[in-house]
């Protein structure tokens, strides 16, 4: 007969981290479905299995939860790109992997919606605008580091500095992807992805 071991009791920090992670995951679903303006904190807390008070003990406001969702998304994106390039010795393949990864990310429906919601919020609220600037700076920093790593190879060249490249590729590709989502069949996702790849190839090349 196997005796079940008692579950290890979570520390206060672990419990808080678990609560935050659950609220961020559920909040993400609500923001995608209802938008930043339409999402309701009480419903987010309820669907996450917590009280409204638990939500506000972890996040000062609905906007703060939304920003946490954005930060979580950006952290996952960075980890994905780092793992994508980590064990690839060929500089040519690394460039292609980064290009295709960026094209996939920028045409991802969920990220298009979340980023657009963040932009709309930033245009309407000074506090959200400041958080958008912070998130953009972090995205610029992280992306530039990836590009700098690529450019350490003598076989890879760029027409722009790493900072300028990331600024261009992120903002132009996002604008194109938003337009594609609005136009629908008039501009396919496949075509949009191809255009982003072409833009990338015009800016960075490998021999």
N, C-alpha and C. Protein backbone atom coordinates (compact mmCIF):
# COMPACT_ATOMS: atom_id res chain seq x y z
N UNK A 1 0.84 -1.20 0.00
CA UNK A 1 0.00 0.00 0.00
C UNK A 1 0.88 1.26 0.00
N UNK A 2 0.59 2.14 -0.92
CA UNK A 2 1.38 3.36 -1.02
C UNK A 2 0.74 4.47 -0.20
N UNK A 3 1.53 5.04 0.66
CA UNK A 3 1.04 6.12 1.50
C UNK A 3 1.35 7.45 0.81
N UNK A 4 0.32 8.20 0.56
CA UNK A 4 0.51 9.49 -0.12
C UNK A 4 1.22 10.47 0.80
N UNK A 5 2.23 11.10 0.25
CA UNK A 5 2.95 12.09 1.03
C UNK A 5 2.14 13.38 1.11
N UNK A 6 2.15 14.02 2.25
CA UNK A 6 1.41 15.28 2.36
C UNK A 6 2.01 16.34 1.43
N UNK A 7 1.15 17.15 0.85
CA UNK A 7 1.63 18.19 -0.04
C UNK A 7 2.46 19.21 0.73
N UNK A 8 3.52 19.64 0.07
CA UNK A 8 4.36 20.66 0.68
C UNK A 8 3.59 21.97 0.73
N UNK A 9 3.57 22.57 1.89
CA UNK A 9 2.86 23.83 2.04
C UNK A 9 3.66 24.96 1.40
N UNK A 10 2.97 25.75 0.59
CA UNK A 10 3.63 26.85 -0.09
C UNK A 10 4.05 27.93 0.90
N UNK A 11 5.20 28.52 0.65
CA UNK A 11 5.60 29.67 1.45
C UNK A 11 4.74 30.86 1.06
N UNK A 12 4.81 31.90 1.83
CA UNK A 12 4.02 33.09 1.54
C UNK A 12 4.38 33.65 0.17
N UNK A 13 5.68 33.67 -0.13
CA UNK A 13 6.15 34.20 -1.41
C UNK A 13 5.67 33.32 -2.56
N UNK A 14 5.73 31.99 -2.39
CA UNK A 14 5.28 31.07 -3.43
C UNK A 14 3.78 31.19 -3.68
N UNK A 15 3.03 31.33 -2.59
CA UNK A 15 1.58 31.48 -2.72
C UNK A 15 1.23 32.77 -3.44
N UNK A 16 1.93 33.83 -3.11
CA UNK A 16 1.68 35.12 -3.76
C UNK A 16 2.03 35.04 -5.24
N UNK A 17 3.15 34.40 -5.55
CA UNK A 17 3.57 34.25 -6.95
C UNK A 17 2.55 33.43 -7.74
N UNK A 18 2.02 32.39 -7.11
CA UNK A 18 1.01 31.56 -7.76
C UNK A 18 -0.26 32.35 -8.02
N UNK A 19 -0.67 33.13 -7.04
CA UNK A 19 -1.86 33.96 -7.19
C UNK A 19 -1.68 34.97 -8.33
N UNK A 20 -0.53 35.64 -8.36
CA UNK A 20 -0.26 36.62 -9.41
C UNK A 20 -0.26 35.96 -10.79
N UNK A 21 0.38 34.79 -10.88
CA UNK A 21 0.45 34.10 -12.17
C UNK A 21 -0.94 33.72 -12.67
N UNK A 22 -1.79 33.26 -11.76
CA UNK A 22 -3.16 32.88 -12.14
C UNK A 22 -3.96 34.11 -12.58
N UNK A 23 -3.84 35.19 -11.83
CA UNK A 23 -4.56 36.42 -12.18
C UNK A 23 -4.08 36.97 -13.53
N UNK A 24 -2.79 36.88 -13.79
CA UNK A 24 -2.25 37.35 -15.07
C UNK A 24 -2.78 36.49 -16.21
N UNK A 25 -2.80 35.17 -16.01
CA UNK A 25 -3.29 34.26 -17.07
C UNK A 25 -4.76 34.50 -17.36
N UNK A 26 -5.57 34.64 -16.32
CA UNK A 26 -7.00 34.88 -16.52
C UNK A 26 -7.24 36.29 -17.05
N UNK A 27 -6.49 37.25 -16.52
CA UNK A 27 -6.60 38.63 -17.01
C UNK A 27 -6.29 38.71 -18.49
N UNK A 28 -5.29 37.97 -18.94
CA UNK A 28 -4.93 37.95 -20.36
C UNK A 28 -6.13 37.54 -21.22
N UNK A 29 -6.84 36.50 -20.80
CA UNK A 29 -8.02 36.04 -21.55
C UNK A 29 -9.10 37.11 -21.60
N UNK A 30 -9.30 37.78 -20.48
CA UNK A 30 -10.34 38.81 -20.43
C UNK A 30 -9.96 40.03 -21.27
N UNK A 31 -8.69 40.44 -21.22
CA UNK A 31 -8.26 41.59 -22.00
C UNK A 31 -8.34 41.30 -23.49
N UNK A 32 -8.05 40.06 -23.87
CA UNK A 32 -8.15 39.68 -25.28
C UNK A 32 -9.60 39.70 -25.74
N UNK A 33 -10.50 39.27 -24.87
CA UNK A 33 -11.91 39.16 -25.27
C UNK A 33 -12.65 40.49 -25.15
N UNK A 34 -12.39 41.25 -24.07
CA UNK A 34 -13.18 42.45 -23.80
C UNK A 34 -12.41 43.75 -23.97
N UNK A 35 -11.10 43.66 -24.10
CA UNK A 35 -10.29 44.87 -24.17
C UNK A 35 -9.99 45.43 -22.79
N UNK A 36 -9.07 46.37 -22.74
CA UNK A 36 -8.71 46.98 -21.45
C UNK A 36 -9.89 47.72 -20.85
N UNK A 37 -10.64 48.44 -21.69
CA UNK A 37 -11.77 49.20 -21.18
C UNK A 37 -12.95 48.33 -20.77
N UNK A 38 -13.14 47.21 -21.47
CA UNK A 38 -14.31 46.38 -21.21
C UNK A 38 -14.13 45.30 -20.16
N UNK A 39 -12.89 44.96 -19.85
CA UNK A 39 -12.63 43.93 -18.84
C UNK A 39 -13.04 44.43 -17.45
N UNK A 40 -13.58 43.53 -16.64
CA UNK A 40 -14.08 43.89 -15.30
C UNK A 40 -13.29 43.12 -14.24
N UNK A 41 -12.71 43.86 -13.29
CA UNK A 41 -11.84 43.23 -12.29
C UNK A 41 -12.56 42.17 -11.47
N UNK A 42 -13.82 42.44 -11.12
CA UNK A 42 -14.56 41.47 -10.31
C UNK A 42 -14.70 40.14 -11.05
N UNK A 43 -14.95 40.20 -12.34
CA UNK A 43 -15.11 38.99 -13.14
C UNK A 43 -13.78 38.28 -13.32
N UNK A 44 -12.71 39.03 -13.50
CA UNK A 44 -11.38 38.42 -13.61
C UNK A 44 -11.04 37.66 -12.34
N UNK A 45 -11.26 38.31 -11.20
CA UNK A 45 -10.97 37.68 -9.91
C UNK A 45 -11.83 36.43 -9.72
N UNK A 46 -13.11 36.54 -10.05
CA UNK A 46 -14.03 35.41 -9.90
C UNK A 46 -13.59 34.22 -10.76
N UNK A 47 -13.26 34.47 -12.02
CA UNK A 47 -12.85 33.39 -12.91
C UNK A 47 -11.51 32.79 -12.51
N UNK A 48 -10.69 33.59 -11.83
CA UNK A 48 -9.40 33.09 -11.36
C UNK A 48 -9.53 32.31 -10.05
N UNK A 49 -10.71 32.41 -9.42
CA UNK A 49 -10.92 31.70 -8.16
C UNK A 49 -10.51 32.49 -6.94
N UNK A 50 -10.44 33.80 -7.08
CA UNK A 50 -10.02 34.66 -5.97
C UNK A 50 -11.05 35.75 -5.74
N UNK A 51 -10.90 36.43 -4.62
CA UNK A 51 -11.78 37.56 -4.32
C UNK A 51 -11.26 38.82 -5.00
N UNK A 52 -12.11 39.81 -5.10
CA UNK A 52 -11.70 41.10 -5.66
C UNK A 52 -10.57 41.68 -4.83
N UNK A 53 -10.64 41.45 -3.51
CA UNK A 53 -9.60 41.96 -2.62
C UNK A 53 -8.24 41.32 -2.90
N UNK A 54 -8.27 40.03 -3.25
CA UNK A 54 -7.02 39.34 -3.57
C UNK A 54 -6.38 39.95 -4.81
N UNK A 55 -7.22 40.32 -5.78
CA UNK A 55 -6.68 40.94 -6.99
C UNK A 55 -6.03 42.28 -6.65
N UNK A 56 -6.73 43.08 -5.84
CA UNK A 56 -6.19 44.40 -5.53
C UNK A 56 -5.06 44.36 -4.51
N UNK A 57 -4.86 43.25 -3.85
CA UNK A 57 -3.69 43.13 -2.98
C UNK A 57 -2.44 42.79 -3.78
N UNK A 58 -2.63 42.36 -5.03
CA UNK A 58 -1.51 42.05 -5.91
C UNK A 58 -1.29 43.10 -6.98
N UNK A 59 -2.37 43.78 -7.37
CA UNK A 59 -2.28 44.81 -8.41
C UNK A 59 -3.07 46.03 -7.98
N UNK A 60 -2.49 47.20 -8.13
CA UNK A 60 -3.14 48.42 -7.66
C UNK A 60 -4.40 48.76 -8.45
N UNK A 61 -4.47 48.29 -9.69
CA UNK A 61 -5.61 48.64 -10.55
C UNK A 61 -5.71 47.64 -11.69
N UNK A 62 -6.78 47.74 -12.45
CA UNK A 62 -6.95 46.91 -13.63
C UNK A 62 -5.83 47.21 -14.63
N UNK A 63 -5.46 48.48 -14.73
CA UNK A 63 -4.39 48.87 -15.65
C UNK A 63 -3.06 48.25 -15.24
N UNK A 64 -2.84 48.16 -13.93
CA UNK A 64 -1.60 47.54 -13.45
C UNK A 64 -1.56 46.06 -13.79
N UNK A 65 -2.70 45.39 -13.72
CA UNK A 65 -2.79 43.99 -14.12
C UNK A 65 -2.52 43.85 -15.61
N UNK A 66 -3.08 44.76 -16.39
CA UNK A 66 -2.85 44.71 -17.84
C UNK A 66 -1.37 44.86 -18.17
N UNK A 67 -0.70 45.79 -17.52
CA UNK A 67 0.73 45.99 -17.75
C UNK A 67 1.51 44.74 -17.36
N UNK A 68 1.07 44.07 -16.29
CA UNK A 68 1.72 42.82 -15.88
C UNK A 68 1.56 41.75 -16.95
N UNK A 69 0.40 41.74 -17.60
CA UNK A 69 0.17 40.80 -18.72
C UNK A 69 1.15 41.09 -19.85
N UNK A 70 1.33 42.37 -20.17
CA UNK A 70 2.27 42.77 -21.23
C UNK A 70 3.69 42.36 -20.88
N UNK A 71 4.10 42.62 -19.65
CA UNK A 71 5.45 42.25 -19.22
C UNK A 71 5.66 40.74 -19.29
N UNK A 72 4.64 39.99 -18.91
CA UNK A 72 4.72 38.53 -18.98
C UNK A 72 4.87 38.07 -20.43
N UNK A 73 4.12 38.70 -21.32
CA UNK A 73 4.22 38.37 -22.75
C UNK A 73 5.63 38.65 -23.27
N UNK A 74 6.16 39.82 -22.94
CA UNK A 74 7.48 40.20 -23.42
C UNK A 74 8.56 39.28 -22.88
N UNK A 75 8.42 38.86 -21.64
CA UNK A 75 9.40 37.94 -21.06
C UNK A 75 9.37 36.59 -21.77
N UNK A 76 8.18 36.12 -22.09
CA UNK A 76 8.06 34.85 -22.83
C UNK A 76 8.64 34.97 -24.22
N UNK A 77 8.41 36.10 -24.87
CA UNK A 77 8.97 36.31 -26.20
C UNK A 77 10.49 36.28 -26.16
N UNK A 78 11.07 36.97 -25.17
CA UNK A 78 12.53 37.02 -25.06
C UNK A 78 13.10 35.64 -24.81
N UNK A 79 12.49 34.89 -23.90
CA UNK A 79 12.96 33.53 -23.62
C UNK A 79 12.87 32.64 -24.85
N UNK A 80 11.80 32.83 -25.63
CA UNK A 80 11.65 32.05 -26.85
C UNK A 80 12.78 32.34 -27.84
N UNK A 81 13.07 33.60 -28.06
CA UNK A 81 14.11 33.97 -29.02
C UNK A 81 15.49 33.53 -28.53
N UNK A 82 15.74 33.65 -27.24
CA UNK A 82 17.03 33.21 -26.72
C UNK A 82 17.22 31.71 -26.91
N UNK A 83 16.19 30.93 -26.62
CA UNK A 83 16.29 29.48 -26.80
C UNK A 83 16.36 29.11 -28.27
N UNK A 84 15.72 29.91 -29.12
CA UNK A 84 15.72 29.66 -30.56
C UNK A 84 17.12 29.78 -31.15
N UNK A 85 17.89 30.74 -30.65
CA UNK A 85 19.20 31.03 -31.21
C UNK A 85 20.36 30.39 -30.44
N UNK A 86 20.07 29.92 -29.25
CA UNK A 86 21.12 29.48 -28.33
C UNK A 86 22.07 28.44 -28.91
N UNK A 87 21.56 27.36 -29.46
CA UNK A 87 22.39 26.23 -29.87
C UNK A 87 22.59 26.14 -31.38
N UNK A 88 22.37 27.26 -32.08
CA UNK A 88 22.54 27.24 -33.53
C UNK A 88 23.91 27.85 -33.89
N UNK A 89 24.84 27.03 -34.38
CA UNK A 89 26.19 27.54 -34.69
C UNK A 89 26.26 28.33 -35.99
N UNK A 90 25.37 28.07 -36.93
CA UNK A 90 25.42 28.73 -38.23
C UNK A 90 24.83 30.14 -38.15
N UNK A 91 25.64 31.14 -38.48
CA UNK A 91 25.15 32.52 -38.44
C UNK A 91 24.03 32.74 -39.44
N UNK A 92 24.11 32.09 -40.58
CA UNK A 92 23.06 32.23 -41.60
C UNK A 92 21.73 31.68 -41.09
N UNK A 93 21.77 30.53 -40.43
CA UNK A 93 20.55 29.94 -39.89
C UNK A 93 20.02 30.74 -38.70
N UNK A 94 20.93 31.34 -37.94
CA UNK A 94 20.50 32.17 -36.80
C UNK A 94 19.72 33.38 -37.31
N UNK A 95 20.24 34.00 -38.37
CA UNK A 95 19.54 35.15 -38.95
C UNK A 95 18.16 34.75 -39.45
N UNK A 96 18.09 33.62 -40.14
CA UNK A 96 16.80 33.14 -40.67
C UNK A 96 15.83 32.81 -39.54
N UNK A 97 16.33 32.19 -38.48
CA UNK A 97 15.46 31.85 -37.35
C UNK A 97 14.91 33.11 -36.69
N UNK A 98 15.78 34.11 -36.53
CA UNK A 98 15.31 35.36 -35.92
C UNK A 98 14.29 36.03 -36.83
N UNK A 99 14.55 36.07 -38.12
CA UNK A 99 13.62 36.67 -39.08
C UNK A 99 12.26 35.98 -39.03
N UNK A 100 12.26 34.66 -39.11
CA UNK A 100 11.00 33.93 -39.13
C UNK A 100 10.27 34.03 -37.78
N UNK A 101 11.07 34.04 -36.70
CA UNK A 101 10.46 34.18 -35.37
C UNK A 101 9.78 35.52 -35.19
N UNK A 102 10.42 36.58 -35.66
CA UNK A 102 9.82 37.92 -35.59
C UNK A 102 8.55 37.98 -36.44
N UNK A 103 8.61 37.42 -37.64
CA UNK A 103 7.44 37.42 -38.53
C UNK A 103 6.27 36.67 -37.89
N UNK A 104 6.57 35.55 -37.24
CA UNK A 104 5.52 34.77 -36.57
C UNK A 104 4.93 35.55 -35.40
N UNK A 105 5.80 36.17 -34.59
CA UNK A 105 5.34 36.91 -33.43
C UNK A 105 4.48 38.10 -33.83
N UNK A 106 4.95 38.87 -34.80
CA UNK A 106 4.24 40.09 -35.17
C UNK A 106 2.92 39.82 -35.86
N UNK A 107 2.73 38.61 -36.38
CA UNK A 107 1.44 38.26 -36.99
C UNK A 107 0.60 37.37 -36.08
N UNK A 108 1.03 37.20 -34.85
CA UNK A 108 0.25 36.41 -33.88
C UNK A 108 -0.95 37.22 -33.42
N UNK A 109 -2.14 36.65 -33.55
CA UNK A 109 -3.38 37.39 -33.25
C UNK A 109 -3.40 37.95 -31.83
N UNK A 110 -3.06 37.12 -30.86
CA UNK A 110 -3.13 37.57 -29.47
C UNK A 110 -2.21 38.76 -29.21
N UNK A 111 -0.98 38.69 -29.72
CA UNK A 111 -0.03 39.78 -29.48
C UNK A 111 -0.48 41.05 -30.20
N UNK A 112 -1.03 40.92 -31.40
CA UNK A 112 -1.53 42.08 -32.13
C UNK A 112 -2.58 42.80 -31.29
N UNK A 113 -3.52 42.04 -30.74
CA UNK A 113 -4.61 42.63 -29.96
C UNK A 113 -4.09 43.26 -28.67
N UNK A 114 -3.25 42.55 -27.94
CA UNK A 114 -2.73 43.07 -26.68
C UNK A 114 -1.91 44.34 -26.90
N UNK A 115 -1.05 44.31 -27.90
CA UNK A 115 -0.21 45.48 -28.20
C UNK A 115 -1.09 46.66 -28.62
N UNK A 116 -2.10 46.41 -29.45
CA UNK A 116 -3.00 47.48 -29.88
C UNK A 116 -3.77 48.07 -28.70
N UNK A 117 -4.22 47.21 -27.78
CA UNK A 117 -4.91 47.68 -26.57
C UNK A 117 -3.98 48.56 -25.74
N UNK A 118 -2.72 48.17 -25.66
CA UNK A 118 -1.73 48.94 -24.91
C UNK A 118 -1.54 50.32 -25.55
N UNK A 119 -1.48 50.35 -26.86
CA UNK A 119 -1.32 51.62 -27.58
C UNK A 119 -2.52 52.54 -27.37
N UNK A 120 -3.72 51.98 -27.47
CA UNK A 120 -4.94 52.77 -27.27
C UNK A 120 -4.97 53.34 -25.86
N UNK A 121 -4.64 52.49 -24.88
CA UNK A 121 -4.60 52.95 -23.50
C UNK A 121 -3.59 54.06 -23.30
N UNK A 122 -2.44 53.94 -23.96
CA UNK A 122 -1.37 54.94 -23.83
C UNK A 122 -1.80 56.28 -24.43
N UNK A 123 -2.62 56.25 -25.46
CA UNK A 123 -3.11 57.49 -26.08
C UNK A 123 -4.14 58.18 -25.21
N UNK A 124 -4.80 57.43 -24.36
CA UNK A 124 -5.89 58.00 -23.55
C UNK A 124 -5.48 58.32 -22.11
N UNK A 125 -4.43 57.68 -21.62
CA UNK A 125 -4.06 57.82 -20.22
C UNK A 125 -2.57 58.10 -20.10
N UNK A 126 -2.23 59.15 -19.39
CA UNK A 126 -0.83 59.50 -19.21
C UNK A 126 -0.08 58.44 -18.40
N UNK A 127 -0.75 57.86 -17.40
CA UNK A 127 -0.09 56.83 -16.59
C UNK A 127 0.22 55.58 -17.42
N UNK A 128 -0.72 55.20 -18.29
CA UNK A 128 -0.48 54.04 -19.16
C UNK A 128 0.58 54.39 -20.21
N UNK A 129 0.57 55.64 -20.69
CA UNK A 129 1.58 56.06 -21.65
C UNK A 129 2.99 55.88 -21.08
N UNK A 130 3.15 56.25 -19.81
CA UNK A 130 4.46 56.10 -19.18
C UNK A 130 4.86 54.63 -19.08
N UNK A 131 3.89 53.77 -18.79
CA UNK A 131 4.18 52.34 -18.70
C UNK A 131 4.48 51.76 -20.09
N UNK A 132 3.81 52.32 -21.10
CA UNK A 132 4.09 51.89 -22.48
C UNK A 132 5.52 52.25 -22.85
N UNK A 133 5.95 53.45 -22.50
CA UNK A 133 7.32 53.89 -22.79
C UNK A 133 8.32 52.96 -22.12
N UNK A 134 8.06 52.61 -20.87
CA UNK A 134 8.94 51.70 -20.13
C UNK A 134 9.01 50.34 -20.82
N UNK A 135 7.86 49.81 -21.19
CA UNK A 135 7.81 48.49 -21.84
C UNK A 135 8.50 48.53 -23.20
N UNK A 136 8.31 49.63 -23.92
CA UNK A 136 8.95 49.79 -25.23
C UNK A 136 10.46 49.84 -25.09
N UNK A 137 10.94 50.56 -24.08
CA UNK A 137 12.38 50.64 -23.84
C UNK A 137 12.96 49.27 -23.52
N UNK A 138 12.22 48.50 -22.72
CA UNK A 138 12.69 47.16 -22.38
C UNK A 138 12.71 46.26 -23.61
N UNK A 139 11.67 46.36 -24.42
CA UNK A 139 11.61 45.57 -25.65
C UNK A 139 12.74 45.96 -26.60
N UNK A 140 13.02 47.25 -26.67
CA UNK A 140 14.11 47.75 -27.50
C UNK A 140 15.46 47.22 -27.00
N UNK A 141 15.64 47.26 -25.70
CA UNK A 141 16.89 46.77 -25.09
C UNK A 141 17.08 45.29 -25.36
N UNK A 142 16.04 44.50 -25.09
CA UNK A 142 16.14 43.04 -25.26
C UNK A 142 16.36 42.67 -26.72
N UNK A 143 15.58 43.31 -27.61
CA UNK A 143 15.73 43.00 -29.03
C UNK A 143 17.08 43.41 -29.57
N UNK A 144 17.59 44.56 -29.12
CA UNK A 144 18.89 45.04 -29.58
C UNK A 144 20.01 44.09 -29.17
N UNK A 145 19.88 43.52 -27.97
CA UNK A 145 20.89 42.56 -27.52
C UNK A 145 20.92 41.33 -28.42
N UNK A 146 19.76 40.88 -28.85
CA UNK A 146 19.69 39.74 -29.76
C UNK A 146 20.38 40.07 -31.09
N UNK A 147 20.13 41.28 -31.58
CA UNK A 147 20.72 41.69 -32.86
C UNK A 147 22.23 41.87 -32.71
N UNK A 148 22.66 42.48 -31.61
CA UNK A 148 24.10 42.64 -31.37
C UNK A 148 24.81 41.28 -31.34
N UNK A 149 24.15 40.31 -30.76
CA UNK A 149 24.72 38.97 -30.72
C UNK A 149 24.89 38.42 -32.13
N UNK A 150 23.90 38.64 -32.99
CA UNK A 150 24.01 38.21 -34.39
C UNK A 150 25.17 38.91 -35.10
N UNK A 151 25.31 40.20 -34.84
CA UNK A 151 26.30 41.00 -35.55
C UNK A 151 27.73 40.75 -35.09
N UNK A 152 27.89 39.95 -34.04
CA UNK A 152 29.24 39.57 -33.64
C UNK A 152 29.90 38.68 -34.68
N UNK A 153 29.08 38.04 -35.49
CA UNK A 153 29.61 37.22 -36.57
C UNK A 153 30.01 38.12 -37.74
N UNK A 154 31.21 37.93 -38.29
CA UNK A 154 31.64 38.76 -39.44
C UNK A 154 30.80 38.50 -40.70
N UNK A 155 30.03 37.43 -40.68
CA UNK A 155 29.21 37.09 -41.85
C UNK A 155 27.87 37.81 -41.87
N UNK A 156 27.55 38.52 -40.78
CA UNK A 156 26.25 39.20 -40.67
C UNK A 156 26.44 40.71 -40.69
N UNK A 157 25.67 41.37 -41.52
CA UNK A 157 25.75 42.84 -41.61
C UNK A 157 24.35 43.44 -41.51
N UNK A 158 24.31 44.68 -41.03
CA UNK A 158 23.03 45.38 -40.87
C UNK A 158 23.17 46.80 -41.42
N UNK A 159 22.11 47.27 -42.07
CA UNK A 159 22.09 48.63 -42.59
C UNK A 159 21.82 49.65 -41.47
N UNK A 160 21.32 49.15 -40.35
CA UNK A 160 20.98 50.02 -39.23
C UNK A 160 21.69 49.57 -37.96
N UNK A 161 21.75 50.47 -36.98
CA UNK A 161 22.24 50.07 -35.66
C UNK A 161 21.23 49.09 -35.05
N UNK A 162 21.65 48.27 -34.09
CA UNK A 162 20.69 47.34 -33.46
C UNK A 162 19.46 48.05 -32.90
N UNK A 163 19.65 49.20 -32.24
CA UNK A 163 18.51 49.92 -31.68
C UNK A 163 17.55 50.39 -32.77
N UNK A 164 18.11 50.95 -33.85
CA UNK A 164 17.27 51.43 -34.94
C UNK A 164 16.58 50.28 -35.66
N UNK A 165 17.28 49.17 -35.80
CA UNK A 165 16.67 48.01 -36.47
C UNK A 165 15.45 47.52 -35.70
N UNK A 166 15.59 47.35 -34.39
CA UNK A 166 14.47 46.86 -33.58
C UNK A 166 13.33 47.86 -33.58
N UNK A 167 13.64 49.16 -33.50
CA UNK A 167 12.60 50.18 -33.54
C UNK A 167 11.80 50.07 -34.83
N UNK A 168 12.49 49.94 -35.96
CA UNK A 168 11.82 49.85 -37.25
C UNK A 168 11.03 48.57 -37.38
N UNK A 169 11.65 47.44 -37.10
CA UNK A 169 11.01 46.15 -37.35
C UNK A 169 9.81 45.94 -36.44
N UNK A 170 9.90 46.37 -35.18
CA UNK A 170 8.79 46.19 -34.25
C UNK A 170 7.59 47.06 -34.64
N UNK A 171 7.87 48.35 -34.87
CA UNK A 171 6.76 49.28 -35.07
C UNK A 171 6.16 49.20 -36.47
N UNK A 172 6.98 49.06 -37.49
CA UNK A 172 6.43 48.92 -38.84
C UNK A 172 5.72 47.59 -39.01
N UNK A 173 6.32 46.52 -38.49
CA UNK A 173 5.69 45.21 -38.62
C UNK A 173 4.37 45.15 -37.85
N UNK A 174 4.34 45.77 -36.67
CA UNK A 174 3.09 45.76 -35.90
C UNK A 174 2.00 46.54 -36.62
N UNK A 175 2.36 47.71 -37.15
CA UNK A 175 1.37 48.49 -37.89
C UNK A 175 0.82 47.73 -39.08
N UNK A 176 1.69 47.03 -39.77
CA UNK A 176 1.27 46.22 -40.91
C UNK A 176 0.35 45.08 -40.46
N UNK A 177 0.71 44.46 -39.34
CA UNK A 177 -0.08 43.33 -38.84
C UNK A 177 -1.47 43.78 -38.37
N UNK A 178 -1.55 44.95 -37.74
CA UNK A 178 -2.85 45.49 -37.32
C UNK A 178 -3.72 45.75 -38.54
N UNK A 179 -3.13 46.35 -39.56
CA UNK A 179 -3.87 46.62 -40.79
C UNK A 179 -4.39 45.33 -41.41
N UNK A 180 -3.55 44.29 -41.39
CA UNK A 180 -3.96 43.00 -41.95
C UNK A 180 -5.16 42.44 -41.20
N UNK A 181 -5.15 42.55 -39.87
CA UNK A 181 -6.27 42.02 -39.08
C UNK A 181 -7.55 42.78 -39.41
N UNK A 182 -7.45 44.05 -39.72
CA UNK A 182 -8.63 44.85 -40.04
C UNK A 182 -9.12 44.55 -41.45
N UNK A 183 -8.18 44.45 -42.40
CA UNK A 183 -8.56 44.23 -43.80
C UNK A 183 -9.04 42.80 -44.07
N UNK A 184 -8.56 41.87 -43.27
CA UNK A 184 -8.98 40.48 -43.46
C UNK A 184 -8.45 39.90 -44.75
N UNK A 185 -9.34 39.40 -45.59
CA UNK A 185 -8.95 38.69 -46.80
C UNK A 185 -8.26 39.57 -47.83
N UNK A 186 -8.41 40.88 -47.70
CA UNK A 186 -7.76 41.78 -48.65
C UNK A 186 -6.24 41.78 -48.49
N UNK A 187 -5.77 41.42 -47.33
CA UNK A 187 -4.33 41.30 -47.07
C UNK A 187 -4.14 40.09 -46.16
N UNK A 188 -3.74 38.97 -46.72
CA UNK A 188 -3.68 37.72 -45.96
C UNK A 188 -2.56 37.74 -44.91
N UNK A 189 -2.72 36.91 -43.90
CA UNK A 189 -1.68 36.77 -42.87
C UNK A 189 -0.38 36.26 -43.50
N UNK A 190 -0.51 35.37 -44.47
CA UNK A 190 0.67 34.83 -45.15
C UNK A 190 1.42 35.93 -45.88
N UNK A 191 0.69 36.80 -46.56
CA UNK A 191 1.31 37.92 -47.28
C UNK A 191 1.97 38.89 -46.31
N UNK A 192 1.31 39.14 -45.19
CA UNK A 192 1.85 40.03 -44.18
C UNK A 192 3.15 39.48 -43.62
N UNK A 193 3.14 38.19 -43.33
CA UNK A 193 4.35 37.53 -42.81
C UNK A 193 5.48 37.65 -43.82
N UNK A 194 5.17 37.46 -45.10
CA UNK A 194 6.17 37.55 -46.15
C UNK A 194 6.73 38.97 -46.27
N UNK A 195 5.88 39.97 -46.12
CA UNK A 195 6.33 41.36 -46.19
C UNK A 195 7.27 41.69 -45.04
N UNK A 196 6.97 41.18 -43.85
CA UNK A 196 7.83 41.41 -42.69
C UNK A 196 9.19 40.74 -42.90
N UNK A 197 9.17 39.54 -43.45
CA UNK A 197 10.42 38.84 -43.75
C UNK A 197 11.25 39.62 -44.78
N UNK A 198 10.57 40.18 -45.78
CA UNK A 198 11.27 40.96 -46.81
C UNK A 198 11.89 42.21 -46.21
N UNK A 199 11.15 42.88 -45.33
CA UNK A 199 11.68 44.06 -44.64
C UNK A 199 12.92 43.68 -43.84
N UNK A 200 12.85 42.58 -43.12
CA UNK A 200 14.00 42.09 -42.34
C UNK A 200 15.19 41.88 -43.26
N UNK A 201 14.98 41.20 -44.38
CA UNK A 201 16.07 40.87 -45.31
C UNK A 201 16.71 42.11 -45.93
N UNK A 202 15.93 43.19 -46.03
CA UNK A 202 16.48 44.42 -46.58
C UNK A 202 17.40 45.13 -45.57
N UNK A 203 17.23 44.78 -44.31
CA UNK A 203 17.98 45.45 -43.26
C UNK A 203 19.15 44.64 -42.72
N UNK A 204 18.99 43.32 -42.66
CA UNK A 204 20.04 42.44 -42.15
C UNK A 204 20.28 41.32 -43.15
N UNK A 205 21.52 41.02 -43.39
CA UNK A 205 21.85 39.94 -44.33
C UNK A 205 23.04 39.14 -43.80
N UNK A 206 23.16 37.91 -44.29
CA UNK A 206 24.28 37.05 -43.92
C UNK A 206 24.84 36.41 -45.17
N UNK A 207 26.13 36.12 -45.15
CA UNK A 207 26.78 35.53 -46.32
C UNK A 207 27.21 34.09 -46.03
